[in-house]
Amino acid sequence: MSLRQMEYLVTVIEETSFTRAAETLHVTQSALSHQIKALEREVGGPLLERLPRGVRLTPMGRAFLPDAELAVRSARQARRAARAAAGAGGGELEVATVHGLAVGVLTEAVARMRRLHPAVTLRLREYATEDELRERMARGVADIAVGYRVEDWSGPCWEIGEERIVLVVPPDDPLCARAGADSEPVALEELADRGWVRCGMEPWIEGRPFVDLVCGRAGFVPRTAVRVEHPTTAARMAAAGAGICLVSAHLTPELVPDGQLVNIGPPWRRPLTAFCRSRPSGAAEVFLRVLREG
């Protein structure tokens, strides 16, 4: 069993296709298939199920993948760290995060990193939930992750700022009269009769979707008017008049007019955290500095 064979398997799963994986790895599809079959013979059974459109892991493959991913990611990180220590020009950096932060707070950090260190190539991996982000980082999927406060992470963590939560209201909502940073904030109790735009990527807190939790504490059950997948979609839907939604202030400048953004009282803020499996080096250390200075 070789590291190359494990890398081939991991790439096939990432690309969900032998054809795309072969292109990514710069090998022929027949050579890729040969190595996967050799790996399957070595472990004693099929790891992949070939489908008419794509592939999926077998039960044996699901058991094998986490350690294979860890080995492949560790080898890639070791290579990047060695190049950085040797003073090699350029470099690569893999950053993991959740979708809401990728399109919000991280956009400026990535742009600043590119301006300061244009020779570094960045790859951003986005996940739907914080649980998925932590699980994938534990497998070594990236050099550094940006998420929310992690209480149970065994590696190093750094607070890099905070996320402010604001309310988006339709253009004809009476609450527009209370838009603006200096206006009176809205208490959740005032929203009991509104329809909500809910997001599939909404964070879960204490085992419940965030909106359900905070509205329940305010004494009512939120009425879902529209359900979408992405927070950016939720913000745009609310701004167009489909309902109200809670969203990170980082997302709003390009999505929602200022006159439709209302503060929640008391203010809601969530700490933002960068975390790694081990002390960062090379481009990861530089990017951490960019995040902390941002």
C-alpha atoms as a PDB file:
ATOM      1  CA  MET A   1       0.000   0.000   0.000  1.00  0.00           C
ATOM      2  CA  SER A   2       1.532   3.306  -1.053  1.00  0.00           C
ATOM      3  CA  LEU A   3       0.853   6.938  -0.240  1.00  0.00           C
ATOM      4  CA  ARG A   4       0.293   7.514  -3.965  1.00  0.00           C
ATOM      5  CA  GLN A   5      -2.514   4.947  -4.016  1.00  0.00           C
ATOM      6  CA  MET A   6      -4.187   6.605  -1.038  1.00  0.00           C
ATOM      7  CA  GLU A   7      -3.842   9.985  -2.739  1.00  0.00           C
ATOM      8  CA  TYR A   8      -5.540   8.552  -5.822  1.00  0.00           C
ATOM      9  CA  LEU A   9      -8.454   7.274  -3.720  1.00  0.00           C
ATOM     10  CA  VAL A  10      -8.857  10.576  -1.848  1.00  0.00           C
ATOM     11  CA  THR A  11      -8.840  12.528  -5.124  1.00  0.00           C
ATOM     12  CA  VAL A  12     -11.478  10.272  -6.702  1.00  0.00           C
ATOM     13  CA  ILE A  13     -13.741  10.908  -3.708  1.00  0.00           C
ATOM     14  CA  GLU A  14     -13.074  14.654  -3.755  1.00  0.00           C
ATOM     15  CA  GLU A  15     -13.831  14.904  -7.472  1.00  0.00           C
ATOM     16  CA  THR A  16     -16.639  12.255  -7.392  1.00  0.00           C
ATOM     17  CA  SER A  17     -15.369  11.072 -10.773  1.00  0.00           C
ATOM     18  CA  PHE A  18     -12.512   8.969 -12.151  1.00  0.00           C
ATOM     19  CA  THR A  19     -12.314  11.260 -15.182  1.00  0.00           C
ATOM     20  CA  ARG A  20     -11.946  14.488 -13.173  1.00  0.00           C
ATOM     21  CA  ALA A  21      -9.596  12.818 -10.686  1.00  0.00           C
ATOM     22  CA  ALA A  22      -7.323  11.642 -13.510  1.00  0.00           C
ATOM     23  CA  GLU A  23      -7.239  15.193 -14.881  1.00  0.00           C
ATOM     24  CA  THR A  24      -6.419  16.634 -11.450  1.00  0.00           C
ATOM     25  CA  LEU A  25      -3.657  14.056 -10.887  1.00  0.00           C
ATOM     26  CA  HIS A  26      -2.290  14.367 -14.455  1.00  0.00           C
ATOM     27  CA  VAL A  27      -2.481  10.611 -15.062  1.00  0.00           C
ATOM     28  CA  THR A  28      -4.460   8.489 -17.486  1.00  0.00           C
ATOM     29  CA  GLN A  29      -7.791   7.111 -16.333  1.00  0.00           C
ATOM     30  CA  SER A  30      -6.557   3.558 -16.910  1.00  0.00           C
ATOM     31  CA  ALA A  31      -3.505   4.145 -14.693  1.00  0.00           C
ATOM     32  CA  LEU A  32      -5.761   5.613 -11.992  1.00  0.00           C
ATOM     33  CA  SER A  33      -8.149   2.650 -12.132  1.00  0.00           C
ATOM     34  CA  HIS A  34      -5.215   0.204 -12.002  1.00  0.00           C
ATOM     35  CA  GLN A  35      -3.848   1.786  -8.822  1.00  0.00           C
ATOM     36  CA  ILE A  36      -7.267   1.872  -7.128  1.00  0.00           C
ATOM     37  CA  LYS A  37      -7.797  -1.815  -7.929  1.00  0.00           C
ATOM     38  CA  ALA A  38      -4.332  -2.618  -6.573  1.00  0.00           C
ATOM     39  CA  LEU A  39      -5.200  -0.788  -3.360  1.00  0.00           C
ATOM     40  CA  GLU A  40      -8.479  -2.707  -3.087  1.00  0.00           C
ATOM     41  CA  ARG A  41      -6.621  -6.007  -3.474  1.00  0.00           C
ATOM     42  CA  GLU A  42      -4.236  -4.944  -0.739  1.00  0.00           C
ATOM     43  CA  VAL A  43      -6.970  -4.074   1.783  1.00  0.00           C
ATOM     44  CA  GLY A  44      -9.017  -7.126   0.860  1.00  0.00           C
ATOM     45  CA  GLY A  45     -12.185  -5.713  -0.668  1.00  0.00           C
ATOM     46  CA  PRO A  46     -13.846  -2.974  -2.717  1.00  0.00           C
ATOM     47  CA  LEU A  47     -13.448   0.599  -1.502  1.00  0.00           C
ATOM     48  CA  LEU A  48     -15.478   2.291  -4.228  1.00  0.00           C
ATOM     49  CA  GLU A  49     -18.765   1.532  -5.902  1.00  0.00           C
ATOM     50  CA  ARG A  50     -18.740   2.579  -9.555  1.00  0.00           C
ATOM     51  CA  LEU A  51     -22.037   4.249 -10.492  1.00  0.00           C
ATOM     52  CA  PRO A  52     -23.369   5.293 -13.915  1.00  0.00           C
ATOM     53  CA  ARG A  53     -22.657   8.879 -12.866  1.00  0.00           C
ATOM     54  CA  GLY A  54     -19.855   9.104 -10.339  1.00  0.00           C
ATOM     55  CA  VAL A  55     -18.666   6.945  -7.483  1.00  0.00           C
ATOM     56  CA  ARG A  56     -19.426   6.387  -3.825  1.00  0.00           C
ATOM     57  CA  LEU A  57     -17.666   4.698  -0.956  1.00  0.00           C
ATOM     58  CA  THR A  58     -18.490   1.167   0.126  1.00  0.00           C
ATOM     59  CA  PRO A  59     -18.736   0.458   3.883  1.00  0.00           C
ATOM     60  CA  MET A  60     -15.103  -0.681   3.742  1.00  0.00           C
ATOM     61  CA  GLY A  61     -14.202   2.512   1.892  1.00  0.00           C
ATOM     62  CA  ARG A  62     -15.924   4.684   4.518  1.00  0.00           C
ATOM     63  CA  ALA A  63     -13.880   2.979   7.221  1.00  0.00           C
ATOM     64  CA  PHE A  64     -10.647   3.348   5.243  1.00  0.00           C
ATOM     65  CA  LEU A  65     -11.030   6.956   4.066  1.00  0.00           C
ATOM     66  CA  PRO A  66     -10.407   8.979   7.283  1.00  0.00           C
ATOM     67  CA  ASP A  67      -6.929   7.522   7.868  1.00  0.00           C
ATOM     68  CA  ALA A  68      -6.114   7.701   4.156  1.00  0.00           C
ATOM     69  CA  GLU A  69      -7.100  11.380   4.100  1.00  0.00           C
ATOM     70  CA  LEU A  70      -4.998  12.059   7.183  1.00  0.00           C
ATOM     71  CA  ALA A  71      -1.947  10.413   5.627  1.00  0.00           C
ATOM     72  CA  VAL A  72      -2.344  12.296   2.340  1.00  0.00           C
ATOM     73  CA  ARG A  73      -2.983  15.672   3.984  1.00  0.00           C
ATOM     74  CA  SER A  74      -0.080  15.211   6.394  1.00  0.00           C
ATOM     75  CA  ALA A  75       2.259  14.445   3.505  1.00  0.00           C
ATOM     76  CA  ARG A  76       1.100  17.545   1.635  1.00  0.00           C
ATOM     77  CA  GLN A  77       1.484  19.714   4.713  1.00  0.00           C
ATOM     78  CA  ALA A  78       4.942  18.298   5.371  1.00  0.00           C
ATOM     79  CA  ARG A  79       5.949  19.138   1.801  1.00  0.00           C
ATOM     80  CA  ARG A  80       4.658  22.715   2.135  1.00  0.00           C
ATOM     81  CA  ALA A  81       6.384  23.162   5.517  1.00  0.00           C
ATOM     82  CA  ALA A  82       9.677  21.879   4.126  1.00  0.00           C
ATOM     83  CA  ARG A  83       9.480  24.247   1.153  1.00  0.00           C
ATOM     84  CA  ALA A  84       8.760  27.160   3.484  1.00  0.00           C
ATOM     85  CA  ALA A  85      11.684  26.279   5.759  1.00  0.00           C
ATOM     86  CA  ALA A  86      13.971  26.018   2.762  1.00  0.00           C
ATOM     87  CA  GLY A  87      12.945  29.463   1.603  1.00  0.00           C
ATOM     88  CA  ALA A  88      11.307  28.175  -1.564  1.00  0.00           C
ATOM     89  CA  GLY A  89       9.531  30.842  -3.546  1.00  0.00           C
ATOM     90  CA  GLY A  90       5.762  30.919  -3.576  1.00  0.00           C
ATOM     91  CA  GLY A  91       3.993  28.142  -1.760  1.00  0.00           C
ATOM     92  CA  GLU A  92       0.495  26.795  -1.224  1.00  0.00           C
ATOM     93  CA  LEU A  93      -2.066  27.342   1.490  1.00  0.00           C
ATOM     94  CA  GLU A  94      -5.285  25.400   2.090  1.00  0.00           C
ATOM     95  CA  VAL A  95      -7.902  27.162   4.231  1.00  0.00           C
ATOM     96  CA  ALA A  96     -11.090  25.509   5.527  1.00  0.00           C
ATOM     97  CA  THR A  97     -14.177  27.386   6.686  1.00  0.00           C
ATOM     98  CA  VAL A  98     -17.974  27.448   6.619  1.00  0.00           C
ATOM     99  CA  HIS A  99     -19.798  28.986   3.683  1.00  0.00           C
ATOM    100  CA  GLY A 100     -21.074  32.057   5.544  1.00  0.00           C
ATOM    101  CA  LEU A 101     -17.563  33.095   6.557  1.00  0.00           C
ATOM    102  CA  ALA A 102     -16.129  32.303   3.121  1.00  0.00           C
ATOM    103  CA  VAL A 103     -18.391  34.848   1.450  1.00  0.00           C
ATOM    104  CA  GLY A 104     -18.208  37.261   4.386  1.00  0.00           C
ATOM    105  CA  VAL A 105     -15.278  37.947   6.657  1.00  0.00           C
ATOM    106  CA  LEU A 106     -12.745  35.869   4.707  1.00  0.00           C
ATOM    107  CA  THR A 107     -13.112  37.711   1.404  1.00  0.00           C
ATOM    108  CA  GLU A 108     -11.101  40.712   2.589  1.00  0.00           C
ATOM    109  CA  ALA A 109      -8.532  38.538   4.390  1.00  0.00           C
ATOM    110  CA  VAL A 110      -7.903  36.448   1.267  1.00  0.00           C
ATOM    111  CA  ALA A 111      -7.642  39.577  -0.893  1.00  0.00           C
ATOM    112  CA  ARG A 112      -5.187  41.129   1.571  1.00  0.00           C
ATOM    113  CA  MET A 113      -3.120  37.923   1.609  1.00  0.00           C
ATOM    114  CA  ARG A 114      -2.969  38.006  -2.193  1.00  0.00           C
ATOM    115  CA  ARG A 115      -1.858  41.645  -2.196  1.00  0.00           C
ATOM    116  CA  LEU A 116       0.880  41.051   0.376  1.00  0.00           C
ATOM    117  CA  HIS A 117       2.019  37.602  -0.850  1.00  0.00           C
ATOM    118  CA  PRO A 118       1.023  37.188  -4.499  1.00  0.00           C
ATOM    119  CA  ALA A 119       3.269  34.151  -5.011  1.00  0.00           C
ATOM    120  CA  VAL A 120       1.229  32.048  -2.541  1.00  0.00           C
ATOM    121  CA  THR A 121      -1.531  29.934  -4.096  1.00  0.00           C
ATOM    122  CA  LEU A 122      -4.637  29.632  -1.906  1.00  0.00           C
ATOM    123  CA  ARG A 123      -7.304  26.941  -1.932  1.00  0.00           C
ATOM    124  CA  LEU A 124     -10.479  27.535   0.041  1.00  0.00           C
ATOM    125  CA  ARG A 125     -12.529  24.554   1.239  1.00  0.00           C
ATOM    126  CA  GLU A 126     -16.085  25.438   2.264  1.00  0.00           C
ATOM    127  CA  TYR A 127     -18.350  23.334   4.476  1.00  0.00           C
ATOM    128  CA  ALA A 128     -22.011  23.626   5.325  1.00  0.00           C
ATOM    129  CA  THR A 129     -21.772  23.262   9.110  1.00  0.00           C
ATOM    130  CA  GLU A 130     -19.307  23.861  11.902  1.00  0.00           C
ATOM    131  CA  ASP A 131     -19.446  20.190  12.886  1.00  0.00           C
ATOM    132  CA  GLU A 132     -18.400  19.190   9.371  1.00  0.00           C
ATOM    133  CA  LEU A 133     -15.621  21.796   9.404  1.00  0.00           C
ATOM    134  CA  ARG A 134     -14.176  20.477  12.670  1.00  0.00           C
ATOM    135  CA  GLU A 135     -14.513  16.848  11.575  1.00  0.00           C
ATOM    136  CA  ARG A 136     -12.719  17.529   8.294  1.00  0.00           C
ATOM    137  CA  MET A 137      -9.984  19.566   9.986  1.00  0.00           C
ATOM    138  CA  ALA A 138      -9.394  16.696  12.413  1.00  0.00           C
ATOM    139  CA  ARG A 139      -8.680  14.597   9.306  1.00  0.00           C
ATOM    140  CA  GLY A 140      -6.124  17.151   8.139  1.00  0.00           C
ATOM    141  CA  VAL A 141      -8.057  18.581   5.202  1.00  0.00           C
ATOM    142  CA  ALA A 142      -6.378  22.011   5.371  1.00  0.00           C
ATOM    143  CA  ASP A 143      -3.487  23.936   6.899  1.00  0.00           C
ATOM    144  CA  ILE A 144      -5.704  26.320   8.873  1.00  0.00           C
ATOM    145  CA  ALA A 145      -9.418  26.727   9.552  1.00  0.00           C
ATOM    146  CA  VAL A 146     -11.570  29.760  10.282  1.00  0.00           C
ATOM    147  CA  GLY A 147     -14.779  29.199  12.209  1.00  0.00           C
ATOM    148  CA  TYR A 148     -16.461  30.018  15.470  1.00  0.00           C
ATOM    149  CA  ARG A 149     -15.289  29.400  19.025  1.00  0.00           C
ATOM    150  CA  VAL A 150     -14.331  25.737  19.502  1.00  0.00           C
ATOM    151  CA  GLU A 151     -14.423  24.491  23.072  1.00  0.00           C
ATOM    152  CA  ASP A 152     -13.237  20.933  22.465  1.00  0.00           C
ATOM    153  CA  TRP A 153     -10.462  21.395  19.887  1.00  0.00           C
ATOM    154  CA  SER A 154      -7.184  19.788  20.967  1.00  0.00           C
ATOM    155  CA  GLY A 155      -4.901  21.879  18.731  1.00  0.00           C
ATOM    156  CA  PRO A 156      -3.944  25.554  18.863  1.00  0.00           C
ATOM    157  CA  CYS A 157      -6.670  28.221  18.487  1.00  0.00           C
ATOM    158  CA  TRP A 158      -6.648  31.998  18.142  1.00  0.00           C
ATOM    159  CA  GLU A 159      -9.483  34.500  18.446  1.00  0.00           C
ATOM    160  CA  ILE A 160      -9.367  36.732  15.362  1.00  0.00           C
ATOM    161  CA  GLY A 161     -12.410  38.959  15.840  1.00  0.00           C
ATOM    162  CA  GLU A 162     -16.154  38.621  16.075  1.00  0.00           C
ATOM    163  CA  GLU A 163     -19.234  38.300  13.909  1.00  0.00           C
ATOM    164  CA  ARG A 164     -22.153  40.669  14.519  1.00  0.00           C
ATOM    165  CA  ILE A 165     -25.657  39.365  13.809  1.00  0.00           C
ATOM    166  CA  VAL A 166     -28.232  41.775  12.348  1.00  0.00           C
ATOM    167  CA  LEU A 167     -31.850  41.510  11.221  1.00  0.00           C
ATOM    168  CA  VAL A 168     -32.861  41.913   7.577  1.00  0.00           C
ATOM    169  CA  VAL A 169     -36.427  43.150   7.051  1.00  0.00           C
ATOM    170  CA  PRO A 170     -38.527  43.643   3.883  1.00  0.00           C
ATOM    171  CA  PRO A 171     -38.517  47.120   2.296  1.00  0.00           C
ATOM    172  CA  ASP A 172     -42.108  47.850   3.422  1.00  0.00           C
ATOM    173  CA  ASP A 173     -41.720  46.569   6.984  1.00  0.00           C
ATOM    174  CA  PRO A 174     -42.447  49.183   9.694  1.00  0.00           C
ATOM    175  CA  LEU A 175     -39.184  48.162  11.360  1.00  0.00           C
ATOM    176  CA  CYS A 176     -37.300  49.952   8.561  1.00  0.00           C
ATOM    177  CA  ALA A 177     -37.934  53.098  10.572  1.00  0.00           C
ATOM    178  CA  ARG A 178     -35.506  51.692  13.154  1.00  0.00           C
ATOM    179  CA  ALA A 179     -32.705  50.887  10.699  1.00  0.00           C
ATOM    180  CA  GLY A 180     -29.252  52.357  11.272  1.00  0.00           C
ATOM    181  CA  ALA A 181     -26.427  51.878  13.743  1.00  0.00           C
ATOM    182  CA  ASP A 182     -27.729  54.502  16.197  1.00  0.00           C
ATOM    183  CA  SER A 183     -31.387  53.458  16.169  1.00  0.00           C
ATOM    184  CA  GLU A 184     -33.229  51.601  18.892  1.00  0.00           C
ATOM    185  CA  PRO A 185     -32.583  47.843  18.576  1.00  0.00           C
ATOM    186  CA  VAL A 186     -35.424  45.398  18.066  1.00  0.00           C
ATOM    187  CA  ALA A 187     -36.231  42.839  20.747  1.00  0.00           C
ATOM    188  CA  LEU A 188     -37.004  39.323  19.555  1.00  0.00           C
ATOM    189  CA  GLU A 189     -40.414  39.450  21.196  1.00  0.00           C
ATOM    190  CA  GLU A 190     -41.431  42.050  18.601  1.00  0.00           C
ATOM    191  CA  LEU A 191     -40.927  39.510  15.798  1.00  0.00           C
ATOM    192  CA  ALA A 192     -43.401  36.859  16.926  1.00  0.00           C
ATOM    193  CA  ASP A 193     -45.869  37.627  14.123  1.00  0.00           C
ATOM    194  CA  ARG A 194     -43.308  37.760  11.284  1.00  0.00           C
ATOM    195  CA  GLY A 195     -42.543  35.110   8.680  1.00  0.00           C
ATOM    196  CA  TRP A 196     -38.910  33.998   8.629  1.00  0.00           C
ATOM    197  CA  VAL A 197     -36.562  33.108   5.790  1.00  0.00           C
ATOM    198  CA  ARG A 198     -34.683  30.086   7.148  1.00  0.00           C
ATOM    199  CA  CYS A 199     -31.323  28.801   5.956  1.00  0.00           C
ATOM    200  CA  GLY A 200     -30.196  25.180   5.684  1.00  0.00           C
ATOM    201  CA  MET A 201     -26.728  26.264   6.843  1.00  0.00           C
ATOM    202  CA  GLU A 202     -28.147  27.879   9.986  1.00  0.00           C
ATOM    203  CA  PRO A 203     -25.909  27.010  12.958  1.00  0.00           C
ATOM    204  CA  TRP A 204     -27.096  24.601  15.628  1.00  0.00           C
ATOM    205  CA  ILE A 205     -26.653  25.723  19.236  1.00  0.00           C
ATOM    206  CA  GLU A 206     -27.358  23.411  22.189  1.00  0.00           C
ATOM    207  CA  GLY A 207     -28.766  20.828  19.808  1.00  0.00           C
ATOM    208  CA  ARG A 208     -31.289  23.160  18.116  1.00  0.00           C
ATOM    209  CA  PRO A 209     -31.301  25.449  15.070  1.00  0.00           C
ATOM    210  CA  PHE A 210     -30.178  28.907  16.202  1.00  0.00           C
ATOM    211  CA  VAL A 211     -33.405  30.730  15.278  1.00  0.00           C
ATOM    212  CA  ASP A 212     -35.573  28.113  17.015  1.00  0.00           C
ATOM    213  CA  LEU A 213     -33.433  28.390  20.130  1.00  0.00           C
ATOM    214  CA  VAL A 214     -33.423  32.186  20.496  1.00  0.00           C
ATOM    215  CA  CYS A 215     -37.077  32.610  19.533  1.00  0.00           C
ATOM    216  CA  GLY A 216     -38.062  29.864  21.979  1.00  0.00           C
ATOM    217  CA  ARG A 217     -36.232  31.732  24.723  1.00  0.00           C
ATOM    218  CA  ALA A 218     -38.224  34.831  23.730  1.00  0.00           C
ATOM    219  CA  GLY A 219     -41.473  32.894  24.168  1.00  0.00           C
ATOM    220  CA  PHE A 220     -42.593  32.029  20.644  1.00  0.00           C
ATOM    221  CA  VAL A 221     -42.078  29.544  17.811  1.00  0.00           C
ATOM    222  CA  PRO A 222     -40.809  31.205  14.614  1.00  0.00           C
ATOM    223  CA  ARG A 223     -43.058  30.795  11.575  1.00  0.00           C
ATOM    224  CA  THR A 224     -41.016  29.714   8.541  1.00  0.00           C
ATOM    225  CA  ALA A 225     -42.122  31.491   5.356  1.00  0.00           C
ATOM    226  CA  VAL A 226     -39.296  30.422   3.036  1.00  0.00           C
ATOM    227  CA  ARG A 227     -36.561  27.814   3.425  1.00  0.00           C
ATOM    228  CA  VAL A 228     -33.295  28.092   1.450  1.00  0.00           C
ATOM    229  CA  GLU A 229     -29.816  26.563   1.667  1.00  0.00           C
ATOM    230  CA  HIS A 230     -27.312  29.434   1.733  1.00  0.00           C
ATOM    231  CA  PRO A 231     -27.172  32.491   4.037  1.00  0.00           C
ATOM    232  CA  THR A 232     -26.543  34.783   1.062  1.00  0.00           C
ATOM    233  CA  THR A 233     -29.769  33.528  -0.541  1.00  0.00           C
ATOM    234  CA  ALA A 234     -31.655  34.077   2.720  1.00  0.00           C
ATOM    235  CA  ALA A 235     -30.389  37.667   2.959  1.00  0.00           C
ATOM    236  CA  ARG A 236     -31.397  38.457  -0.623  1.00  0.00           C
ATOM    237  CA  MET A 237     -34.826  36.847  -0.186  1.00  0.00           C
ATOM    238  CA  ALA A 238     -35.496  38.862   2.961  1.00  0.00           C
ATOM    239  CA  ALA A 239     -34.268  42.063   1.321  1.00  0.00           C
ATOM    240  CA  ALA A 240     -36.705  41.448  -1.560  1.00  0.00           C
ATOM    241  CA  GLY A 241     -39.619  41.090   0.847  1.00  0.00           C
ATOM    242  CA  ALA A 242     -39.995  37.338   1.392  1.00  0.00           C
ATOM    243  CA  GLY A 243     -39.698  37.591   5.170  1.00  0.00           C
ATOM    244  CA  ILE A 244     -37.183  38.472   7.857  1.00  0.00           C
ATOM    245  CA  CYS A 245     -33.876  36.744   8.591  1.00  0.00           C
ATOM    246  CA  LEU A 246     -30.890  36.924  10.873  1.00  0.00           C
ATOM    247  CA  VAL A 247     -27.577  37.249   9.068  1.00  0.00           C
ATOM    248  CA  SER A 248     -23.952  38.124   9.707  1.00  0.00           C
ATOM    249  CA  ALA A 249     -23.206  41.812   9.194  1.00  0.00           C
ATOM    250  CA  HIS A 250     -20.183  40.696   7.143  1.00  0.00           C
ATOM    251  CA  LEU A 251     -22.566  39.488   4.428  1.00  0.00           C
ATOM    252  CA  THR A 252     -24.824  42.498   4.160  1.00  0.00           C
ATOM    253  CA  PRO A 253     -22.966  45.317   2.322  1.00  0.00           C
ATOM    254  CA  GLU A 254     -23.480  43.858  -1.151  1.00  0.00           C
ATOM    255  CA  LEU A 255     -26.746  42.071  -0.426  1.00  0.00           C
ATOM    256  CA  VAL A 256     -29.032  44.329   1.613  1.00  0.00           C
ATOM    257  CA  PRO A 257     -29.736  48.115   1.518  1.00  0.00           C
ATOM    258  CA  ASP A 258     -28.736  49.901   4.734  1.00  0.00           C
ATOM    259  CA  GLY A 259     -32.325  50.970   5.283  1.00  0.00           C
ATOM    260  CA  GLN A 260     -33.385  47.329   5.753  1.00  0.00           C
ATOM    261  CA  LEU A 261     -30.789  46.381   8.387  1.00  0.00           C
ATOM    262  CA  VAL A 262     -31.942  46.520  11.987  1.00  0.00           C
ATOM    263  CA  ASN A 263     -29.948  45.838  15.142  1.00  0.00           C
ATOM    264  CA  ILE A 264     -31.095  43.145  17.554  1.00  0.00           C
ATOM    265  CA  GLY A 265     -31.093  44.005  21.229  1.00  0.00           C
ATOM    266  CA  PRO A 266     -29.164  43.163  23.234  1.00  0.00           C
ATOM    267  CA  PRO A 267     -26.366  43.019  20.612  1.00  0.00           C
ATOM    268  CA  TRP A 268     -25.539  39.555  19.271  1.00  0.00           C
ATOM    269  CA  ARG A 269     -21.926  38.755  18.550  1.00  0.00           C
ATOM    270  CA  ARG A 270     -20.089  35.467  17.953  1.00  0.00           C
ATOM    271  CA  PRO A 271     -16.310  35.106  18.426  1.00  0.00           C
ATOM    272  CA  LEU A 272     -14.380  34.100  15.306  1.00  0.00           C
ATOM    273  CA  THR A 273     -11.543  31.610  15.686  1.00  0.00           C
ATOM    274  CA  ALA A 274      -8.645  30.335  13.614  1.00  0.00           C
ATOM    275  CA  PHE A 275      -7.499  26.828  14.497  1.00  0.00           C
ATOM    276  CA  CYS A 276      -4.999  24.184  13.327  1.00  0.00           C
ATOM    277  CA  ARG A 277      -3.978  20.650  14.149  1.00  0.00           C
ATOM    278  CA  SER A 278      -0.434  21.844  14.959  1.00  0.00           C
ATOM    279  CA  ARG A 279       1.486  25.117  15.110  1.00  0.00           C
ATOM    280  CA  PRO A 280       1.276  26.813  11.696  1.00  0.00           C
ATOM    281  CA  SER A 281       4.350  27.451   9.599  1.00  0.00           C
ATOM    282  CA  GLY A 282       5.135  29.020   6.261  1.00  0.00           C
ATOM    283  CA  ALA A 283       2.134  30.450   4.422  1.00  0.00           C
ATOM    284  CA  ALA A 284      -0.255  29.326   7.187  1.00  0.00           C
ATOM    285  CA  GLU A 285       1.644  31.374   9.754  1.00  0.00           C
ATOM    286  CA  VAL A 286       1.576  34.389   7.444  1.00  0.00           C
ATOM    287  CA  PHE A 287      -2.161  34.026   6.830  1.00  0.00           C
ATOM    288  CA  LEU A 288      -2.827  33.760  10.570  1.00  0.00           C
ATOM    289  CA  ARG A 289      -1.006  37.062  11.007  1.00  0.00           C
ATOM    290  CA  VAL A 290      -3.168  38.613   8.275  1.00  0.00           C
ATOM    291  CA  LEU A 291      -6.312  37.354  10.049  1.00  0.00           C
ATOM    292  CA  ARG A 292      -5.254  38.667  13.444  1.00  0.00           C
ATOM    293  CA  GLU A 293      -4.235  42.066  12.087  1.00  0.00           C
ATOM    294  CA  GLY A 294      -7.410  42.384  10.024  1.00  0.00           C
END
